[in-house]
Amino acid sequence: MEPIVLLIVALLGVVLAWKMLKGLVKTVVLVAILAVAAIYVFGGMG
């Protein structure tokens, strides 16, 4: 997957989570989206 496509998908996920979720659940989902995107872009852990 191209990085620009991943960026668009991640931003779309953040927007949906921001609109639909509340409180701690929103925070956990946003962190998970950012973590998955970062791991994919930077090639994994280690």
N, C-alpha and C. Protein backbone atom coordinates (compact mmCIF):
# COMPACT_ATOMS: atom_id res chain seq x y z
N MET A 1 0.84 -1.18 0.00
CA MET A 1 0.00 0.00 0.00
C MET A 1 0.89 1.24 0.00
N GLU A 2 0.54 2.19 -0.82
CA GLU A 2 1.30 3.43 -0.90
C GLU A 2 1.15 4.23 0.40
N PRO A 3 2.18 4.93 0.81
CA PRO A 3 2.09 5.73 2.05
C PRO A 3 0.97 6.77 2.02
N ILE A 4 0.71 7.36 0.85
CA ILE A 4 -0.34 8.38 0.77
C ILE A 4 -1.72 7.75 0.99
N VAL A 5 -1.90 6.52 0.50
CA VAL A 5 -3.16 5.82 0.71
C VAL A 5 -3.32 5.49 2.19
N LEU A 6 -2.26 5.04 2.82
CA LEU A 6 -2.29 4.74 4.25
C LEU A 6 -2.61 6.00 5.05
N LEU A 7 -2.04 7.11 4.66
CA LEU A 7 -2.31 8.39 5.34
C LEU A 7 -3.78 8.76 5.22
N ILE A 8 -4.34 8.61 4.04
CA ILE A 8 -5.76 8.93 3.83
C ILE A 8 -6.64 8.01 4.66
N VAL A 9 -6.34 6.71 4.66
CA VAL A 9 -7.12 5.75 5.45
C VAL A 9 -7.01 6.06 6.94
N ALA A 10 -5.81 6.39 7.41
CA ALA A 10 -5.62 6.71 8.82
C ALA A 10 -6.39 7.98 9.20
N LEU A 11 -6.33 8.99 8.36
CA LEU A 11 -7.06 10.23 8.64
C LEU A 11 -8.57 10.00 8.64
N LEU A 12 -9.05 9.18 7.72
CA LEU A 12 -10.47 8.85 7.67
C LEU A 12 -10.88 8.12 8.94
N GLY A 13 -10.04 7.18 9.39
CA GLY A 13 -10.32 6.47 10.64
C GLY A 13 -10.34 7.39 11.84
N VAL A 14 -9.42 8.36 11.88
CA VAL A 14 -9.38 9.32 12.98
C VAL A 14 -10.64 10.18 12.98
N VAL A 15 -11.05 10.65 11.82
CA VAL A 15 -12.25 11.48 11.72
C VAL A 15 -13.49 10.70 12.18
N LEU A 16 -13.62 9.45 11.70
CA LEU A 16 -14.77 8.64 12.10
C LEU A 16 -14.76 8.37 13.60
N ALA A 17 -13.60 8.03 14.15
CA ALA A 17 -13.50 7.77 15.58
C ALA A 17 -13.83 9.03 16.37
N TRP A 18 -13.36 10.17 15.91
CA TRP A 18 -13.59 11.44 16.61
C TRP A 18 -15.07 11.77 16.65
N LYS A 19 -15.80 11.50 15.55
CA LYS A 19 -17.22 11.83 15.46
C LYS A 19 -18.09 10.83 16.22
N MET A 20 -17.71 9.54 16.23
CA MET A 20 -18.59 8.48 16.70
C MET A 20 -18.34 8.04 18.13
N LEU A 21 -17.13 8.23 18.64
CA LEU A 21 -16.79 7.67 19.94
C LEU A 21 -16.62 8.78 20.97
N LYS A 22 -16.65 8.36 22.25
CA LYS A 22 -16.50 9.33 23.34
C LYS A 22 -15.54 8.80 24.40
N GLY A 23 -14.93 9.71 25.13
CA GLY A 23 -14.14 9.39 26.32
C GLY A 23 -12.92 8.55 26.06
N LEU A 24 -12.71 7.60 26.95
CA LEU A 24 -11.52 6.74 26.92
C LEU A 24 -11.49 5.87 25.68
N VAL A 25 -12.65 5.43 25.23
CA VAL A 25 -12.71 4.59 24.02
C VAL A 25 -12.16 5.36 22.82
N LYS A 26 -12.52 6.64 22.71
CA LYS A 26 -12.01 7.47 21.62
C LYS A 26 -10.49 7.56 21.68
N THR A 27 -9.96 7.78 22.86
CA THR A 27 -8.51 7.90 23.03
C THR A 27 -7.80 6.62 22.63
N VAL A 28 -8.33 5.48 23.08
CA VAL A 28 -7.70 4.19 22.77
C VAL A 28 -7.73 3.93 21.27
N VAL A 29 -8.86 4.21 20.62
CA VAL A 29 -8.97 3.97 19.18
C VAL A 29 -8.03 4.90 18.41
N LEU A 30 -7.96 6.16 18.79
CA LEU A 30 -7.06 7.09 18.10
C LEU A 30 -5.60 6.68 18.24
N VAL A 31 -5.20 6.27 19.43
CA VAL A 31 -3.82 5.81 19.64
C VAL A 31 -3.55 4.55 18.82
N ALA A 32 -4.52 3.63 18.78
CA ALA A 32 -4.34 2.40 18.00
C ALA A 32 -4.19 2.71 16.51
N ILE A 33 -5.00 3.61 15.98
CA ILE A 33 -4.90 3.98 14.56
C ILE A 33 -3.52 4.57 14.27
N LEU A 34 -3.07 5.48 15.11
CA LEU A 34 -1.76 6.10 14.90
C LEU A 34 -0.63 5.09 15.04
N ALA A 35 -0.75 4.16 15.99
CA ALA A 35 0.29 3.15 16.19
C ALA A 35 0.39 2.22 14.99
N VAL A 36 -0.75 1.77 14.49
CA VAL A 36 -0.74 0.87 13.32
C VAL A 36 -0.14 1.59 12.11
N ALA A 37 -0.53 2.83 11.89
CA ALA A 37 0.02 3.58 10.76
C ALA A 37 1.54 3.77 10.90
N ALA A 38 1.98 4.10 12.10
CA ALA A 38 3.42 4.30 12.32
C ALA A 38 4.20 3.01 12.14
N ILE A 39 3.68 1.91 12.66
CA ILE A 39 4.38 0.63 12.50
C ILE A 39 4.48 0.26 11.03
N TYR A 40 3.41 0.47 10.28
CA TYR A 40 3.44 0.15 8.86
C TYR A 40 4.44 1.04 8.11
N VAL A 41 4.40 2.34 8.37
CA VAL A 41 5.26 3.28 7.65
C VAL A 41 6.73 3.05 7.99
N PHE A 42 7.04 2.83 9.27
CA PHE A 42 8.45 2.70 9.67
C PHE A 42 8.95 1.27 9.67
N GLY A 43 8.15 0.32 9.22
CA GLY A 43 8.64 -1.04 8.99
C GLY A 43 8.61 -1.95 10.18
N GLY A 44 7.83 -1.68 11.16
CA GLY A 44 7.68 -2.61 12.26
C GLY A 44 8.57 -2.29 13.44
N MET A 45 8.44 -3.12 14.46
CA MET A 45 9.17 -2.90 15.70
C MET A 45 10.54 -3.57 15.58
N GLY A 46 11.57 -2.82 16.00
CA GLY A 46 12.91 -3.39 16.01
C GLY A 46 13.50 -3.37 14.69
